[in-house]
PDB file of N, CA and C in Angstrom:
ATOM      1  N   CYS A   1      87.103  85.483  92.156  1.00  0.00           N
ATOM      2  CA  CYS A   1      85.747  84.740  92.275  1.00  0.00           C
ATOM      3  C   CYS A   1      85.058  84.899  93.406  1.00  0.00           C
ATOM      4  N   TYR A   2      83.857  85.031  93.262  1.00  0.00           N
ATOM      5  CA  TYR A   2      82.680  85.282  94.348  1.00  0.00           C
ATOM      6  C   TYR A   2      81.715  84.047  94.293  1.00  0.00           C
ATOM      7  N   VAL A   3      81.647  83.291  95.532  1.00  0.00           N
ATOM      8  CA  VAL A   3      80.683  82.247  95.494  1.00  0.00           C
ATOM      9  C   VAL A   3      80.169  82.213  96.918  1.00  0.00           C
ATOM     10  N   SER A   4      78.739  81.789  96.923  1.00  0.00           N
ATOM     11  CA  SER A   4      78.445  81.188  98.422  1.00  0.00           C
ATOM     12  C   SER A   4      78.910  79.864  98.711  1.00  0.00           C
ATOM     13  N   ALA A   5      79.115  79.673 100.156  1.00  0.00           N
ATOM     14  CA  ALA A   5      79.306  78.105 100.513  1.00  0.00           C
ATOM     15  C   ALA A   5      78.586  77.225  99.901  1.00  0.00           C
ATOM     16  N   GLU A   6      77.388  77.443  99.821  1.00  0.00           N
ATOM     17  CA  GLU A   6      76.100  76.427  99.258  1.00  0.00           C
ATOM     18  C   GLU A   6      76.730  76.170  97.911  1.00  0.00           C
ATOM     19  N   ALA A   7      76.818  77.013  97.117  1.00  0.00           N
ATOM     20  CA  ALA A   7      77.294  77.033  95.554  1.00  0.00           C
ATOM     21  C   ALA A   7      78.484  76.146  95.330  1.00  0.00           C
ATOM     22  N   LEU A   8      79.456  76.590  96.173  1.00  0.00           N
ATOM     23  CA  LEU A   8      80.852  76.020  96.080  1.00  0.00           C
ATOM     24  C   LEU A   8      80.933  74.557  96.342  1.00  0.00           C
ATOM     25  N   PHE A   9      80.128  74.277  97.340  1.00  0.00           N
ATOM     26  CA  PHE A   9      79.960  72.862  97.848  1.00  0.00           C
ATOM     27  C   PHE A   9      79.347  71.915  96.688  1.00  0.00           C
ATOM     28  N   ALA A  10      78.293  72.596  96.221  1.00  0.00           N
ATOM     29  CA  ALA A  10      77.281  72.104  95.041  1.00  0.00           C
ATOM     30  C   ALA A  10      78.187  71.659  93.874  1.00  0.00           C
ATOM     31  N   ASP A  11      79.224  72.632  93.774  1.00  0.00           N
ATOM     32  CA  ASP A  11      80.115  72.486  92.481  1.00  0.00           C
ATOM     33  C   ASP A  11      81.143  71.437  92.790  1.00  0.00           C
ATOM     34  N   PHE A  12      81.682  71.146  93.909  1.00  0.00           N
ATOM     35  CA  PHE A  12      82.605  70.390  94.207  1.00  0.00           C
ATOM     36  C   PHE A  12      81.888  68.912  94.238  1.00  0.00           C
ATOM     37  N   GLU A  13      80.781  68.952  94.628  1.00  0.00           N
ATOM     38  CA  GLU A  13      79.750  67.436  94.683  1.00  0.00           C
ATOM     39  C   GLU A  13      79.682  67.124  93.187  1.00  0.00           C
ATOM     40  N   GLN A  14      79.378  68.141  92.431  1.00  0.00           N
ATOM     41  CA  GLN A  14      79.021  67.775  90.948  1.00  0.00           C
ATOM     42  C   GLN A  14      80.304  67.282  90.376  1.00  0.00           C
ATOM     43  N   GLN A  15      81.504  67.781  90.617  1.00  0.00           N
ATOM     44  CA  GLN A  15      82.863  67.404  90.056  1.00  0.00           C
ATOM     45  C   GLN A  15      83.207  66.102  90.533  1.00  0.00           C
ATOM     46  N   LYS A  16      82.841  65.726  91.645  1.00  0.00           N
ATOM     47  CA  LYS A  16      83.189  64.373  92.438  1.00  0.00           C
ATOM     48  C   LYS A  16      82.233  63.214  91.982  1.00  0.00           C
ATOM     49  N   PHE A  17      80.856  63.719  91.868  1.00  0.00           N
ATOM     50  CA  PHE A  17      79.950  62.436  91.504  1.00  0.00           C
ATOM     51  C   PHE A  17      79.214  62.617  90.180  1.00  0.00           C
ATOM     52  N   ARG A  18      79.346  63.793  89.535  1.00  0.00           N
ATOM     53  CA  ARG A  18      78.589  64.018  88.103  1.00  0.00           C
ATOM     54  C   ARG A  18      79.358  64.560  87.280  1.00  0.00           C
ATOM     55  N   PRO A  19      80.720  64.344  87.130  1.00  0.00           N
ATOM     56  CA  PRO A  19      81.657  65.270  86.283  1.00  0.00           C
ATOM     57  C   PRO A  19      81.264  65.275  84.618  1.00  0.00           C
ATOM     58  N   ARG A  20      81.396  66.403  84.131  1.00  0.00           N
ATOM     59  CA  ARG A  20      81.173  66.480  82.738  1.00  0.00           C
ATOM     60  C   ARG A  20      82.581  66.495  82.257  1.00  0.00           C
ATOM     61  N   GLU A  21      82.598  65.631  81.065  1.00  0.00           N
ATOM     62  CA  GLU A  21      83.923  65.278  80.428  1.00  0.00           C
ATOM     63  C   GLU A  21      84.672  66.797  79.939  1.00  0.00           C
ATOM     64  N   GLY A  22      85.795  66.816  80.260  1.00  0.00           N
ATOM     65  CA  GLY A  22      86.755  67.970  79.882  1.00  0.00           C
ATOM     66  C   GLY A  22      86.491  69.391  80.657  1.00  0.00           C
ATOM     67  N   GLU A  23      85.534  69.111  81.696  1.00  0.00           N
ATOM     68  CA  GLU A  23      85.280  70.318  82.473  1.00  0.00           C
ATOM     69  C   GLU A  23      85.576  70.032  84.048  1.00  0.00           C
ATOM     70  N   ASP A  24      86.361  71.001  84.702  1.00  0.00           N
ATOM     71  CA  ASP A  24      86.458  70.770  86.059  1.00  0.00           C
ATOM     72  C   ASP A  24      86.040  72.118  86.795  1.00  0.00           C
ATOM     73  N   VAL A  25      84.742  71.973  87.313  1.00  0.00           N
ATOM     74  CA  VAL A  25      84.202  73.199  87.991  1.00  0.00           C
ATOM     75  C   VAL A  25      84.673  73.566  89.095  1.00  0.00           C
ATOM     76  N   THR A  26      85.586  73.025  89.685  1.00  0.00           N
ATOM     77  CA  THR A  26      86.329  73.305  91.125  1.00  0.00           C
ATOM     78  C   THR A  26      87.640  73.870  90.691  1.00  0.00           C
ATOM     79  N   ARG A  27      88.022  73.748  89.546  1.00  0.00           N
ATOM     80  CA  ARG A  27      89.531  74.315  89.294  1.00  0.00           C
ATOM     81  C   ARG A  27      89.499  75.933  89.495  1.00  0.00           C
ATOM     82  N   LYS A  28      88.527  76.549  89.060  1.00  0.00           N
ATOM     83  CA  LYS A  28      88.345  78.109  89.243  1.00  0.00           C
ATOM     84  C   LYS A  28      88.472  78.427  90.695  1.00  0.00           C
ATOM     85  N   TYR A  29      87.728  77.654  91.469  1.00  0.00           N
ATOM     86  CA  TYR A  29      87.925  77.972  93.123  1.00  0.00           C
ATOM     87  C   TYR A  29      89.303  78.026  93.533  1.00  0.00           C
ATOM     88  N   LEU A  30      90.139  76.889  93.147  1.00  0.00           N
ATOM     89  CA  LEU A  30      91.487  76.502  93.410  1.00  0.00           C
ATOM     90  C   LEU A  30      92.356  77.336  93.055  1.00  0.00           C
ATOM     91  N   ALA A  31      92.126  77.820  91.822  1.00  0.00           N
ATOM     92  CA  ALA A  31      93.225  78.681  90.962  1.00  0.00           C
ATOM     93  C   ALA A  31      93.040  80.044  91.051  1.00  0.00           C
ATOM     94  N   CYS A  32      91.843  80.705  91.234  1.00  0.00           N
ATOM     95  CA  CYS A  32      91.520  82.230  90.870  1.00  0.00           C
ATOM     96  C   CYS A  32      92.516  82.841  91.736  1.00  0.00           C
ATOM     97  N   ASP A  33      92.795  84.086  91.375  1.00  0.00           N
ATOM     98  CA  ASP A  33      93.881  85.144  92.212  1.00  0.00           C
ATOM     99  C   ASP A  33      93.004  85.615  93.498  1.00  0.00           C
ATOM    100  N   LEU A  34      91.807  85.759  93.602  1.00  0.00           N
ATOM    101  CA  LEU A  34      91.237  86.031  94.935  1.00  0.00           C
ATOM    102  C   LEU A  34      89.799  85.183  94.937  1.00  0.00           C
ATOM    103  N   LEU A  35      89.672  84.507  96.036  1.00  0.00           N
ATOM    104  CA  LEU A  35      88.262  83.917  96.157  1.00  0.00           C
ATOM    105  C   LEU A  35      87.794  84.632  97.344  1.00  0.00           C
ATOM    106  N   ILE A  36      86.184  84.865  97.071  1.00  0.00           N
ATOM    107  CA  ILE A  36      85.644  85.244  98.185  1.00  0.00           C
ATOM    108  C   ILE A  36      84.428  84.237  98.369  1.00  0.00           C
ATOM    109  N   LEU A  37      84.489  83.684  99.502  1.00  0.00           N
ATOM    110  CA  LEU A  37      83.569  82.500  99.982  1.00  0.00           C
ATOM    111  C   LEU A  37      82.704  83.130 100.953  1.00  0.00           C
ATOM    112  N   ASP A  38      81.404  83.169 100.511  1.00  0.00           N
ATOM    113  CA  ASP A  38      80.273  83.956 101.277  1.00  0.00           C
ATOM    114  C   ASP A  38      79.307  82.888 102.095  1.00  0.00           C
ATOM    115  N   ASP A  39      79.266  83.262 103.415  1.00  0.00           N
ATOM    116  CA  ASP A  39      78.326  82.611 104.138  1.00  0.00           C
ATOM    117  C   ASP A  39      78.559  81.179 104.684  1.00  0.00           C
ATOM    118  N   LEU A  40      79.893  81.023 104.975  1.00  0.00           N
ATOM    119  CA  LEU A  40      80.204  79.728 105.418  1.00  0.00           C
ATOM    120  C   LEU A  40      79.485  79.250 106.627  1.00  0.00           C
ATOM    121  N   GLY A  41      79.006  78.069 106.716  1.00  0.00           N
ATOM    122  CA  GLY A  41      78.423  77.814 107.973  1.00  0.00           C
ATOM    123  C   GLY A  41      76.834  77.633 107.653  1.00  0.00           C
ATOM    124  N   THR A  42      76.341  78.193 106.524  1.00  0.00           N
ATOM    125  CA  THR A  42      75.022  78.106 106.303  1.00  0.00           C
ATOM    126  C   THR A  42      74.464  76.840 105.643  1.00  0.00           C
ATOM    127  N   GLU A  43      75.412  76.272 104.963  1.00  0.00           N
ATOM    128  CA  GLU A  43      74.991  74.920 104.075  1.00  0.00           C
ATOM    129  C   GLU A  43      75.185  73.802 105.233  1.00  0.00           C
ATOM    130  N   MET A  44      74.295  72.665 104.736  1.00  0.00           N
ATOM    131  CA  MET A  44      74.382  71.690 105.305  1.00  0.00           C
ATOM    132  C   MET A  44      75.725  70.998 105.307  1.00  0.00           C
ATOM    133  N   VAL A  45      76.501  70.938 106.701  1.00  0.00           N
ATOM    134  CA  VAL A  45      77.669  70.195 106.629  1.00  0.00           C
ATOM    135  C   VAL A  45      77.600  68.717 106.828  1.00  0.00           C
ATOM    136  N   THR A  46      78.440  68.209 105.952  1.00  0.00           N
ATOM    137  CA  THR A  46      78.579  66.670 105.706  1.00  0.00           C
ATOM    138  C   THR A  46      80.177  66.435 105.610  1.00  0.00           C
ATOM    139  N   SER A  47      80.421  64.995 105.933  1.00  0.00           N
ATOM    140  CA  SER A  47      81.700  64.831 105.790  1.00  0.00           C
ATOM    141  C   SER A  47      82.397  65.155 104.389  1.00  0.00           C
ATOM    142  N   PHE A  48      81.651  65.117 103.355  1.00  0.00           N
ATOM    143  CA  PHE A  48      82.090  65.604 102.000  1.00  0.00           C
ATOM    144  C   PHE A  48      82.338  67.101 101.856  1.00  0.00           C
ATOM    145  N   SER A  49      81.531  67.958 102.607  1.00  0.00           N
ATOM    146  CA  SER A  49      81.721  69.502 102.610  1.00  0.00           C
ATOM    147  C   SER A  49      82.963  69.686 103.604  1.00  0.00           C
ATOM    148  N   VAL A  50      83.135  68.929 104.371  1.00  0.00           N
ATOM    149  CA  VAL A  50      84.229  69.127 105.364  1.00  0.00           C
ATOM    150  C   VAL A  50      85.506  68.899 104.542  1.00  0.00           C
ATOM    151  N   SER A  51      85.549  67.912 103.820  1.00  0.00           N
ATOM    152  CA  SER A  51      86.794  67.368 102.912  1.00  0.00           C
ATOM    153  C   SER A  51      87.082  68.312 101.754  1.00  0.00           C
ATOM    154  N   ALA A  52      85.838  68.905 101.220  1.00  0.00           N
ATOM    155  CA  ALA A  52      86.032  69.765 100.190  1.00  0.00           C
ATOM    156  C   ALA A  52      86.612  71.262 100.582  1.00  0.00           C
ATOM    157  N   LEU A  53      86.100  71.557 102.036  1.00  0.00           N
ATOM    158  CA  LEU A  53      86.591  72.718 102.438  1.00  0.00           C
ATOM    159  C   LEU A  53      87.955  72.843 102.664  1.00  0.00           C
ATOM    160  N   TYR A  54      88.430  71.537 103.320  1.00  0.00           N
ATOM    161  CA  TYR A  54      89.952  71.389 103.834  1.00  0.00           C
ATOM    162  C   TYR A  54      90.780  71.385 102.512  1.00  0.00           C
ATOM    163  N   GLN A  55      90.156  70.673 101.392  1.00  0.00           N
ATOM    164  CA  GLN A  55      91.000  70.739 100.052  1.00  0.00           C
ATOM    165  C   GLN A  55      91.078  72.304  99.646  1.00  0.00           C
ATOM    166  N   LEU A  56      90.031  72.978  99.629  1.00  0.00           N
ATOM    167  CA  LEU A  56      90.203  74.359  99.287  1.00  0.00           C
ATOM    168  C   LEU A  56      90.945  75.277 100.002  1.00  0.00           C
ATOM    169  N   ILE A  57      90.752  74.984 101.121  1.00  0.00           N
ATOM    170  CA  ILE A  57      91.711  76.043 102.161  1.00  0.00           C
ATOM    171  C   ILE A  57      92.985  75.612 101.993  1.00  0.00           C
ATOM    172  N   ASN A  58      93.383  74.400 102.152  1.00  0.00           N
ATOM    173  CA  ASN A  58      94.738  73.843 102.093  1.00  0.00           C
ATOM    174  C   ASN A  58      95.450  74.238 100.652  1.00  0.00           C
ATOM    175  N   THR A  59      94.751  74.028  99.606  1.00  0.00           N
ATOM    176  CA  THR A  59      95.298  74.294  98.361  1.00  0.00           C
ATOM    177  C   THR A  59      95.653  75.686  97.993  1.00  0.00           C
ATOM    178  N   ARG A  60      94.710  76.477  98.459  1.00  0.00           N
ATOM    179  CA  ARG A  60      94.921  78.059  98.156  1.00  0.00           C
ATOM    180  C   ARG A  60      95.972  78.469  99.263  1.00  0.00           C
ATOM    181  N   LEU A  61      96.021  78.013 100.386  1.00  0.00           N
ATOM    182  CA  LEU A  61      97.253  78.393 101.276  1.00  0.00           C
ATOM    183  C   LEU A  61      98.544  78.122 100.771  1.00  0.00           C
ATOM    184  N   ASN A  62      98.729  76.603 100.285  1.00  0.00           N
ATOM    185  CA  ASN A  62      99.790  76.301  99.898  1.00  0.00           C
ATOM    186  C   ASN A  62     100.276  77.096  98.443  1.00  0.00           C
ATOM    187  N   SER A  63      99.264  77.422  97.613  1.00  0.00           N
ATOM    188  CA  SER A  63      99.615  78.258  96.468  1.00  0.00           C
ATOM    189  C   SER A  63      99.819  79.677  96.820  1.00  0.00           C
ATOM    190  N   ALA A  64      99.608  80.217  98.001  1.00  0.00           N
ATOM    191  CA  ALA A  64      99.760  81.607  98.610  1.00  0.00           C
ATOM    192  C   ALA A  64      98.676  82.432  97.829  1.00  0.00           C
ATOM    193  N   LYS A  65      97.306  81.838  97.404  1.00  0.00           N
ATOM    194  CA  LYS A  65      96.289  82.561  96.800  1.00  0.00           C
ATOM    195  C   LYS A  65      95.345  83.143  98.064  1.00  0.00           C
ATOM    196  N   PRO A  66      95.136  84.459  97.996  1.00  0.00           N
ATOM    197  CA  PRO A  66      94.406  84.850  98.920  1.00  0.00           C
ATOM    198  C   PRO A  66      92.759  84.507  99.063  1.00  0.00           C
ATOM    199  N   THR A  67      92.173  84.336 100.188  1.00  0.00           N
ATOM    200  CA  THR A  67      90.872  84.157 100.436  1.00  0.00           C
ATOM    201  C   THR A  67      90.179  84.846 101.248  1.00  0.00           C
ATOM    202  N   ILE A  68      89.163  85.237 100.909  1.00  0.00           N
ATOM    203  CA  ILE A  68      88.154  86.024 101.996  1.00  0.00           C
ATOM    204  C   ILE A  68      87.008  85.124 102.233  1.00  0.00           C
ATOM    205  N   ILE A  69      86.636  84.978 103.456  1.00  0.00           N
ATOM    206  CA  ILE A  69      85.581  83.894 103.897  1.00  0.00           C
ATOM    207  C   ILE A  69      85.004  84.894 104.811  1.00  0.00           C
ATOM    208  N   SER A  70      83.598  84.729 104.437  1.00  0.00           N
ATOM    209  CA  SER A  70      82.408  85.411 105.449  1.00  0.00           C
ATOM    210  C   SER A  70      81.669  84.463 106.131  1.00  0.00           C
ATOM    211  N   THR A  71      81.338  84.794 107.309  1.00  0.00           N
ATOM    212  CA  THR A  71      80.385  83.904 108.051  1.00  0.00           C
ATOM    213  C   THR A  71      79.756  84.671 109.110  1.00  0.00           C
ATOM    214  N   ASN A  72      78.638  84.041 109.556  1.00  0.00           N
ATOM    215  CA  ASN A  72      77.793  84.734 110.671  1.00  0.00           C
ATOM    216  C   ASN A  72      78.162  83.913 111.910  1.00  0.00           C
ATOM    217  N   CYS A  73      78.968  82.610 111.869  1.00  0.00           N
ATOM    218  CA  CYS A  73      79.195  81.857 112.760  1.00  0.00           C
ATOM    219  C   CYS A  73      80.467  82.221 113.701  1.00  0.00           C
ATOM    220  N   THR A  74      80.188  81.723 114.965  1.00  0.00           N
ATOM    221  CA  THR A  74      81.468  82.061 115.838  1.00  0.00           C
ATOM    222  C   THR A  74      82.479  81.190 115.362  1.00  0.00           C
ATOM    223  N   MET A  75      83.736  81.420 116.056  1.00  0.00           N
ATOM    224  CA  MET A  75      84.791  80.586 115.818  1.00  0.00           C
ATOM    225  C   MET A  75      84.552  78.995 116.659  1.00  0.00           C
ATOM    226  N   ASP A  76      83.712  79.147 117.612  1.00  0.00           N
ATOM    227  CA  ASP A  76      83.510  77.707 118.419  1.00  0.00           C
ATOM    228  C   ASP A  76      82.533  77.126 117.465  1.00  0.00           C
ATOM    229  N   GLU A  77      81.420  77.852 116.686  1.00  0.00           N
ATOM    230  CA  GLU A  77      80.569  76.892 116.051  1.00  0.00           C
ATOM    231  C   GLU A  77      81.211  76.612 114.636  1.00  0.00           C
ATOM    232  N   LEU A  78      82.223  77.250 114.049  1.00  0.00           N
ATOM    233  CA  LEU A  78      82.730  76.728 113.145  1.00  0.00           C
ATOM    234  C   LEU A  78      83.683  75.514 113.457  1.00  0.00           C
ATOM    235  N   GLU A  79      84.355  75.447 114.465  1.00  0.00           N
ATOM    236  CA  GLU A  79      85.023  74.226 115.102  1.00  0.00           C
ATOM    237  C   GLU A  79      84.290  73.068 115.198  1.00  0.00           C
ATOM    238  N   ARG A  80      82.925  73.362 115.696  1.00  0.00           N
ATOM    239  CA  ARG A  80      82.106  72.156 115.886  1.00  0.00           C
ATOM    240  C   ARG A  80      81.607  71.704 114.460  1.00  0.00           C
ATOM    241  N   LYS A  81      81.510  72.541 113.434  1.00  0.00           N
ATOM    242  CA  LYS A  81      80.965  71.890 112.231  1.00  0.00           C
ATOM    243  C   LYS A  81      82.026  71.431 111.438  1.00  0.00           C
ATOM    244  N   TYR A  82      83.298  71.954 111.466  1.00  0.00           N
ATOM    245  CA  TYR A  82      84.394  71.619 110.486  1.00  0.00           C
ATOM    246  C   TYR A  82      85.669  70.925 111.039  1.00  0.00           C
ATOM    247  N   GLY A  83      85.691  71.054 112.254  1.00  0.00           N
ATOM    248  CA  GLY A  83      86.820  70.348 112.930  1.00  0.00           C
ATOM    249  C   GLY A  83      87.983  71.084 113.431  1.00  0.00           C
ATOM    250  N   PRO A  84      88.767  70.372 114.005  1.00  0.00           N
ATOM    251  CA  PRO A  84      90.255  71.185 114.444  1.00  0.00           C
ATOM    252  C   PRO A  84      91.211  71.311 113.271  1.00  0.00           C
ATOM    253  N   GLN A  85      91.178  70.547 112.367  1.00  0.00           N
ATOM    254  CA  GLN A  85      92.041  70.719 111.227  1.00  0.00           C
ATOM    255  C   GLN A  85      91.869  72.122 110.383  1.00  0.00           C
ATOM    256  N   ILE A  86      90.487  72.215 110.013  1.00  0.00           N
ATOM    257  CA  ILE A  86      90.284  73.296 109.327  1.00  0.00           C
ATOM    258  C   ILE A  86      90.501  74.484 110.336  1.00  0.00           C
ATOM    259  N   MET A  87      89.864  74.530 111.568  1.00  0.00           N
ATOM    260  CA  MET A  87      90.029  75.754 112.550  1.00  0.00           C
ATOM    261  C   MET A  87      91.668  75.996 112.674  1.00  0.00           C
ATOM    262  N   SER A  88      92.369  75.066 112.655  1.00  0.00           N
ATOM    263  CA  SER A  88      93.874  75.339 112.794  1.00  0.00           C
ATOM    264  C   SER A  88      94.309  76.344 111.595  1.00  0.00           C
ATOM    265  N   ARG A  89      93.991  75.912 110.551  1.00  0.00           N
ATOM    266  CA  ARG A  89      94.036  76.618 109.425  1.00  0.00           C
ATOM    267  C   ARG A  89      93.666  78.140 109.333  1.00  0.00           C
ATOM    268  N   LEU A  90      92.413  78.211 109.600  1.00  0.00           N
ATOM    269  CA  LEU A  90      91.707  79.458 109.815  1.00  0.00           C
ATOM    270  C   LEU A  90      92.183  80.439 110.806  1.00  0.00           C
ATOM    271  N   GLU A  91      92.356  79.834 112.193  1.00  0.00           N
ATOM    272  CA  GLU A  91      92.800  80.606 112.935  1.00  0.00           C
ATOM    273  C   GLU A  91      94.467  81.036 112.758  1.00  0.00           C
ATOM    274  N   GLY A  92      95.100  80.200 112.262  1.00  0.00           N
ATOM    275  CA  GLY A  92      96.646  80.393 112.192  1.00  0.00           C
ATOM    276  C   GLY A  92      97.146  81.271 110.819  1.00  0.00           C
ATOM    277  N   GLU A  93      96.337  81.143 109.714  1.00  0.00           N
ATOM    278  CA  GLU A  93      96.606  81.684 108.698  1.00  0.00           C
ATOM    279  C   GLU A  93      95.720  82.971 108.141  1.00  0.00           C
ATOM    280  N   TYR A  94      94.578  83.125 108.866  1.00  0.00           N
ATOM    281  CA  TYR A  94      93.494  83.948 108.192  1.00  0.00           C
ATOM    282  C   TYR A  94      93.709  85.193 109.531  1.00  0.00           C
ATOM    283  N   LEU A  95      93.409  86.375 109.015  1.00  0.00           N
ATOM    284  CA  LEU A  95      93.193  87.543 109.922  1.00  0.00           C
ATOM    285  C   LEU A  95      91.671  87.642 110.170  1.00  0.00           C
ATOM    286  N   LEU A  96      91.125  87.592 111.310  1.00  0.00           N
ATOM    287  CA  LEU A  96      89.787  87.543 111.818  1.00  0.00           C
ATOM    288  C   LEU A  96      89.314  89.016 111.810  1.00  0.00           C
ATOM    289  N   LEU A  97      88.376  89.537 111.195  1.00  0.00           N
ATOM    290  CA  LEU A  97      87.814  90.923 111.186  1.00  0.00           C
ATOM    291  C   LEU A  97      86.398  90.602 111.687  1.00  0.00           C
ATOM    292  N   THR A  98      85.926  91.460 112.530  1.00  0.00           N
ATOM    293  CA  THR A  98      84.628  91.303 113.219  1.00  0.00           C
ATOM    294  C   THR A  98      83.741  92.510 112.994  1.00  0.00           C
ATOM    295  N   PHE A  99      82.768  92.427 112.292  1.00  0.00           N
ATOM    296  CA  PHE A  99      81.832  93.533 112.092  1.00  0.00           C
ATOM    297  C   PHE A  99      80.668  93.728 112.830  1.00  0.00           C
ATOM    298  N   HIS A 100      80.445  94.858 113.463  1.00  0.00           N
ATOM    299  CA  HIS A 100      79.475  95.142 114.359  1.00  0.00           C
ATOM    300  C   HIS A 100      78.463  96.021 113.708  1.00  0.00           C
ATOM    301  N   GLY A 101      77.087  95.962 113.941  1.00  0.00           N
ATOM    302  CA  GLY A 101      76.261  96.989 113.646  1.00  0.00           C
ATOM    303  C   GLY A 101      74.931  96.151 113.138  1.00  0.00           C
ATOM    304  N   ARG A 102      74.017  96.985 112.615  1.00  0.00           N
ATOM    305  CA  ARG A 102      72.463  96.482 112.228  1.00  0.00           C
ATOM    306  C   ARG A 102      72.781  95.929 111.105  1.00  0.00           C
ATOM    307  N   ASP A 103      71.934  94.901 110.803  1.00  0.00           N
ATOM    308  CA  ASP A 103      71.723  94.143 109.574  1.00  0.00           C
ATOM    309  C   ASP A 103      71.430  95.099 108.329  1.00  0.00           C
ATOM    310  N   ILE A 104      72.387  95.108 107.313  1.00  0.00           N
ATOM    311  CA  ILE A 104      72.055  96.069 106.229  1.00  0.00           C
ATOM    312  C   ILE A 104      70.788  95.727 105.331  1.00  0.00           C
ATOM    313  N   ARG A 105      70.448  94.489 105.525  1.00  0.00           N
ATOM    314  CA  ARG A 105      68.996  94.158 104.771  1.00  0.00           C
ATOM    315  C   ARG A 105      67.785  94.815 105.532  1.00  0.00           C
ATOM    316  N   LEU A 106      68.074  94.572 106.722  1.00  0.00           N
ATOM    317  CA  LEU A 106      66.968  95.209 107.758  1.00  0.00           C
ATOM    318  C   LEU A 106      66.845  96.727 107.428  1.00  0.00           C
ATOM    319  N   GLN A 107      68.151  97.461 107.496  1.00  0.00           N
ATOM    320  CA  GLN A 107      67.864  98.894 107.188  1.00  0.00           C
ATOM    321  C   GLN A 107      67.477  99.177 105.933  1.00  0.00           C
ATOM    322  N   ARG A 108      67.779  98.508 104.782  1.00  0.00           N
ATOM    323  CA  ARG A 108      67.227  98.794 103.570  1.00  0.00           C
ATOM    324  C   ARG A 108      65.492  98.590 103.634  1.00  0.00           C
ATOM    325  N   LYS A 109      65.280  97.528 104.325  1.00  0.00           N
ATOM    326  CA  LYS A 109      63.644  97.182 104.302  1.00  0.00           C
ATOM    327  C   LYS A 109      63.256  98.423 105.101  1.00  0.00           C
ATOM    328  N   GLU A 110      63.679  98.926 106.026  1.00  0.00           N
ATOM    329  CA  GLU A 110      63.191  99.812 106.983  1.00  0.00           C
ATOM    330  C   GLU A 110      62.831 101.197 106.135  1.00  0.00           C
ATOM    331  N   ARG A 111      63.940 101.434 105.171  1.00  0.00           N
ATOM    332  CA  ARG A 111      63.921 102.719 104.343  1.00  0.00           C
ATOM    333  C   ARG A 111      63.095 102.382 103.127  1.00  0.00           C
ATOM    334  N   GLY A 112      62.591 101.015 102.866  1.00  0.00           N
ATOM    335  CA  GLY A 112      61.727 100.867 101.734  1.00  0.00           C
ATOM    336  C   GLY A 112      62.528 100.829 100.253  1.00  0.00           C
ATOM    337  N   ILE A 113      63.846 100.239 100.542  1.00  0.00           N
ATOM    338  CA  ILE A 113      64.668 100.240  99.374  1.00  0.00           C
ATOM    339  C   ILE A 113      64.735  98.888  98.799  1.00  0.00           C
TER     340      ILE A 113
END
């Protein structure tokens, strides 16, 4: 599964506050073989989104399901946004890979692509 953080939290919110009978839109994120969560930290952070992220990370770790999380935030920014419980899991259970270089979108724009 590939999903932006904003879309994921919207689905968690829908499941919690506007569920459709017989449909669990969050189940796919909790159970898929590989989850790619894109742009963490760009969404509006609320106590609900922090809770949903904790549930997602904890459930996937406990199920030994791999998760890739991309963000433009530093680890300090993520800790300020999501708190020490989530950061403990991110720092303790995930491999941090830092990518450097020019923004691919800007490069495409320069080349007219």
